[in-house]
Amino acid sequence: MGCVLRAMAFLGLLGTCASAVADGDEAMILIAHPAFRDLEYRQTVLIAAPAPNGGHVGVILNRPTRRSLGSLFPEHEPSKKVMDPVYYGGPFSRGALVALVRADRAPGAGSVLLMNNLYLAFRANTIDHVIETTPNEARYFVGYVGWRPGELKSEIDRGLWSVAGAELDTIFRKDTEGLWEELHQQSKRIRATLPPGGGFALLR
């Protein structure tokens, strides 16, 4: 899989080792506001978590493509074992393959710990190892989303996103059609119960 382009600029900020997530700074689910004008994020659901550079990193969860990993890399036999389609993860490094990996330890260098038992892997050789050893314990994305320090908080404060607690069942949901509508309706119900000035909704 040497043809996979690596997100080198962002990896320079991540460093070569997986980063531990501090208490209270775990991953969150972001639900785009219906009025979000950016077509990249219209009706999207994302997972996002703090990155070692002080910003945040994540992927879009509900944009499956029509391509399989095996069709993208026909000469890489282990890729044909991956059952799920490849997902569109975001506009950053669209030529790079990244992977959300369910594991109790870092799958390799260039991985970011998002929450307990969940890593986001950027390095091509690490992703190769995941595909070759536990191909269906991960979900694969082309591109990702990155925020500079303070940028995501600003977007949440402006009402662009509702925030929900991250759960593996949601992150790896097989059928993501209707996921945005479902979580958006939940966020509306939560917001309706908040007192004035109650801040953004955190769904549990």
Protein backbone atom coordinates (compact mmCIF):
# COMPACT_ATOMS: atom_id res chain seq x y z
CA MET A 1 0.00 0.00 0.00
CA GLY A 2 2.87 2.34 -0.71
CA CYS A 3 0.54 4.42 -2.89
CA VAL A 4 -1.30 5.68 0.22
CA LEU A 5 -0.39 9.35 0.72
CA ARG A 6 0.48 10.23 4.28
CA ALA A 7 -0.85 13.26 6.11
CA MET A 8 2.69 14.38 6.86
CA ALA A 9 1.99 18.00 7.74
CA PHE A 10 -0.46 17.00 10.45
CA LEU A 11 1.68 14.10 11.61
CA GLY A 12 4.45 16.58 12.30
CA LEU A 13 2.17 18.13 14.90
CA LEU A 14 1.05 14.78 16.27
CA GLY A 15 4.53 13.40 16.84
CA THR A 16 5.41 9.75 16.42
CA CYS A 17 3.81 8.33 19.56
CA ALA A 18 0.19 7.85 20.52
CA SER A 19 -1.01 10.59 22.84
CA ALA A 20 -2.86 9.80 26.03
CA VAL A 21 -6.13 11.67 26.46
CA ALA A 22 -6.40 13.58 29.71
CA ASP A 23 -9.41 13.05 31.98
CA GLY A 24 -12.31 15.19 30.80
CA ASP A 25 -10.80 15.62 27.33
CA GLU A 26 -12.11 12.50 25.67
CA ALA A 27 -13.75 12.21 22.32
CA MET A 28 -17.11 13.80 21.57
CA ILE A 29 -19.74 13.37 18.90
CA LEU A 30 -20.54 16.53 16.92
CA ILE A 31 -23.92 16.98 15.22
CA ALA A 32 -23.99 19.70 12.56
CA HIS A 33 -26.61 22.44 12.96
CA PRO A 34 -29.28 22.28 10.20
CA ALA A 35 -28.26 25.76 9.04
CA PHE A 36 -24.59 24.84 8.62
CA ARG A 37 -23.81 26.41 5.23
CA ASP A 38 -20.59 24.57 4.47
CA LEU A 39 -21.53 21.73 2.14
CA GLU A 40 -18.59 19.69 3.45
CA TYR A 41 -20.38 19.39 6.79
CA ARG A 42 -24.07 19.64 5.93
CA GLN A 43 -26.02 17.09 7.99
CA THR A 44 -22.85 15.43 9.22
CA VAL A 45 -22.00 13.59 12.41
CA LEU A 46 -18.35 13.67 13.47
CA ILE A 47 -16.16 12.21 16.14
CA ALA A 48 -13.60 14.71 17.45
CA ALA A 49 -10.99 14.56 20.19
CA PRO A 50 -8.09 16.66 21.47
CA ALA A 51 -4.86 16.34 19.48
CA PRO A 52 -1.35 16.70 20.90
CA ASN A 53 -0.91 20.06 19.14
CA GLY A 54 -3.65 21.60 21.32
CA GLY A 55 -6.28 21.49 18.61
CA HIS A 56 -8.72 18.73 17.75
CA VAL A 57 -8.83 15.97 15.16
CA GLY A 58 -11.64 13.76 13.91
CA VAL A 59 -13.54 12.23 11.02
CA ILE A 60 -17.03 12.38 9.56
CA LEU A 61 -18.94 9.25 10.56
CA ASN A 62 -21.93 9.27 8.20
CA ARG A 63 -20.47 9.66 4.71
CA PRO A 64 -19.85 6.16 3.34
CA THR A 65 -18.50 6.00 -0.20
CA ARG A 66 -19.36 3.36 -2.78
CA ARG A 67 -15.83 2.04 -2.75
CA SER A 68 -14.44 -0.89 -0.82
CA LEU A 69 -10.91 -0.92 0.51
CA GLY A 70 -10.17 -3.86 -1.77
CA SER A 71 -11.23 -1.87 -4.82
CA LEU A 72 -8.96 1.02 -3.83
CA PHE A 73 -5.97 -1.31 -3.31
CA PRO A 74 -6.60 -4.33 -5.58
CA GLU A 75 -3.01 -5.58 -5.27
CA HIS A 76 -3.18 -5.65 -1.46
CA GLU A 77 -4.89 -8.96 -0.65
CA PRO A 78 -5.64 -8.24 3.05
CA SER A 79 -7.68 -5.16 2.03
CA LYS A 80 -10.22 -7.49 0.40
CA LYS A 81 -11.13 -8.84 3.86
CA VAL A 82 -12.53 -5.49 5.01
CA MET A 83 -16.33 -5.69 4.92
CA ASP A 84 -17.35 -2.05 5.46
CA PRO A 85 -17.09 0.54 2.69
CA VAL A 86 -14.47 3.24 2.85
CA TYR A 87 -15.87 6.47 4.35
CA TYR A 88 -15.21 10.09 3.45
CA GLY A 89 -13.57 11.42 6.61
CA GLY A 90 -13.17 15.09 5.77
CA PRO A 91 -11.48 17.67 3.58
CA PHE A 92 -7.99 17.48 5.12
CA SER A 93 -5.53 15.33 3.13
CA ARG A 94 -8.18 13.79 0.88
CA GLY A 95 -5.53 11.54 -0.62
CA ALA A 96 -4.64 10.01 2.75
CA LEU A 97 -6.17 6.90 4.26
CA VAL A 98 -6.80 7.06 8.02
CA ALA A 99 -8.38 4.46 10.28
CA LEU A 100 -10.49 4.43 13.43
CA VAL A 101 -9.18 1.40 15.28
CA ARG A 102 -10.80 -0.49 18.15
CA ALA A 103 -7.92 -1.71 20.29
CA ASP A 104 -6.80 -1.81 23.91
CA ARG A 105 -3.37 -0.47 22.96
CA ALA A 106 -1.93 1.81 20.29
CA PRO A 107 -1.91 0.04 16.91
CA GLY A 108 1.41 1.67 16.02
CA ALA A 109 3.28 4.93 15.52
CA GLY A 110 1.31 7.96 14.39
CA SER A 111 -1.85 6.99 16.31
CA VAL A 112 -3.93 9.32 18.46
CA LEU A 113 -5.89 7.97 21.44
CA LEU A 114 -9.41 9.34 21.09
CA MET A 115 -11.01 7.52 24.02
CA ASN A 116 -10.71 4.21 25.80
CA ASN A 117 -10.17 1.45 23.24
CA LEU A 118 -10.31 3.80 20.25
CA TYR A 119 -7.44 5.23 18.21
CA LEU A 120 -7.18 7.27 15.04
CA ALA A 121 -4.27 5.94 12.97
CA PHE A 122 -2.53 8.11 10.36
CA ARG A 123 0.65 6.24 9.42
CA ALA A 124 0.46 4.05 6.31
CA ASN A 125 2.54 1.24 7.84
CA THR A 126 0.38 1.25 11.00
CA ILE A 127 -2.81 1.08 8.92
CA ASP A 128 -1.29 -1.74 6.86
CA HIS A 129 -0.63 -3.67 10.08
CA VAL A 130 -4.22 -3.19 11.23
CA ILE A 131 -5.58 -4.38 7.87
CA GLU A 132 -3.30 -7.40 7.90
CA THR A 133 -4.05 -8.46 11.50
CA THR A 134 -7.51 -7.19 12.55
CA PRO A 135 -9.07 -5.81 9.33
CA ASN A 136 -12.64 -5.53 10.64
CA GLU A 137 -11.78 -4.00 14.01
CA ALA A 138 -11.36 -0.66 12.26
CA ARG A 139 -13.18 1.70 9.92
CA TYR A 140 -11.27 3.32 7.09
CA PHE A 141 -11.58 6.89 5.84
CA VAL A 142 -10.19 9.03 3.07
CA GLY A 143 -9.36 12.41 4.58
CA TYR A 144 -10.04 13.73 8.06
CA VAL A 145 -10.96 16.95 9.90
CA GLY A 146 -8.58 19.10 11.94
CA TRP A 147 -9.12 22.16 14.14
CA ARG A 148 -6.52 24.63 15.35
CA PRO A 149 -6.32 25.32 19.12
CA GLY A 150 -9.54 27.02 20.24
CA GLU A 151 -11.21 26.65 16.84
CA LEU A 152 -13.64 23.87 17.73
CA LYS A 153 -14.71 25.57 20.96
CA SER A 154 -15.44 28.71 18.94
CA GLU A 155 -17.56 26.72 16.48
CA ILE A 156 -19.51 25.10 19.33
CA ASP A 157 -20.02 28.47 21.04
CA ARG A 158 -21.39 29.84 17.75
CA GLY A 159 -23.94 27.02 17.65
CA LEU A 160 -22.52 25.21 14.62
CA TRP A 161 -22.42 21.89 16.49
CA SER A 162 -24.39 20.10 19.17
CA VAL A 163 -22.23 17.82 21.30
CA ALA A 164 -22.94 14.27 22.42
CA GLY A 165 -20.97 11.74 24.40
CA ALA A 166 -18.98 9.35 22.20
CA GLU A 167 -19.98 5.69 22.26
CA LEU A 168 -18.43 2.91 20.21
CA ASP A 169 -21.84 1.64 19.09
CA THR A 170 -22.55 5.01 17.49
CA ILE A 171 -19.06 5.39 16.04
CA PHE A 172 -19.13 1.97 14.36
CA ARG A 173 -22.82 1.89 13.52
CA LYS A 174 -23.27 -0.25 10.40
CA ASP A 175 -26.04 1.78 8.79
CA THR A 176 -25.34 5.49 9.14
CA GLU A 177 -28.29 6.59 7.02
CA GLY A 178 -30.56 8.60 9.30
CA LEU A 179 -27.86 8.98 11.98
CA TRP A 180 -27.77 12.78 11.67
CA GLU A 181 -31.57 13.08 11.86
CA GLU A 182 -31.71 10.81 14.91
CA LEU A 183 -29.01 12.66 16.85
CA HIS A 184 -30.31 16.06 15.79
CA GLN A 185 -33.75 15.25 17.17
CA GLN A 186 -32.15 14.12 20.43
CA SER A 187 -30.20 17.37 20.67
CA LYS A 188 -33.39 19.39 20.11
CA ARG A 189 -35.09 17.59 22.97
CA ILE A 190 -32.12 18.20 25.26
CA ARG A 191 -31.89 21.89 24.35
CA ALA A 192 -35.60 22.32 25.05
CA THR A 193 -34.99 21.31 28.68
CA LEU A 194 -31.95 23.57 29.25
CA PRO A 195 -32.40 26.80 31.22
CA PRO A 196 -31.51 30.09 29.47
CA GLY A 197 -27.75 30.41 29.14
CA GLY A 198 -27.35 26.70 29.74
CA GLY A 199 -24.65 26.38 27.09
CA PHE A 200 -24.42 23.81 24.33
CA ALA A 201 -26.15 20.47 24.66
CA LEU A 202 -24.14 17.50 25.87
CA LEU A 203 -26.12 14.35 25.16
CA ARG A 204 -25.64 11.30 27.31
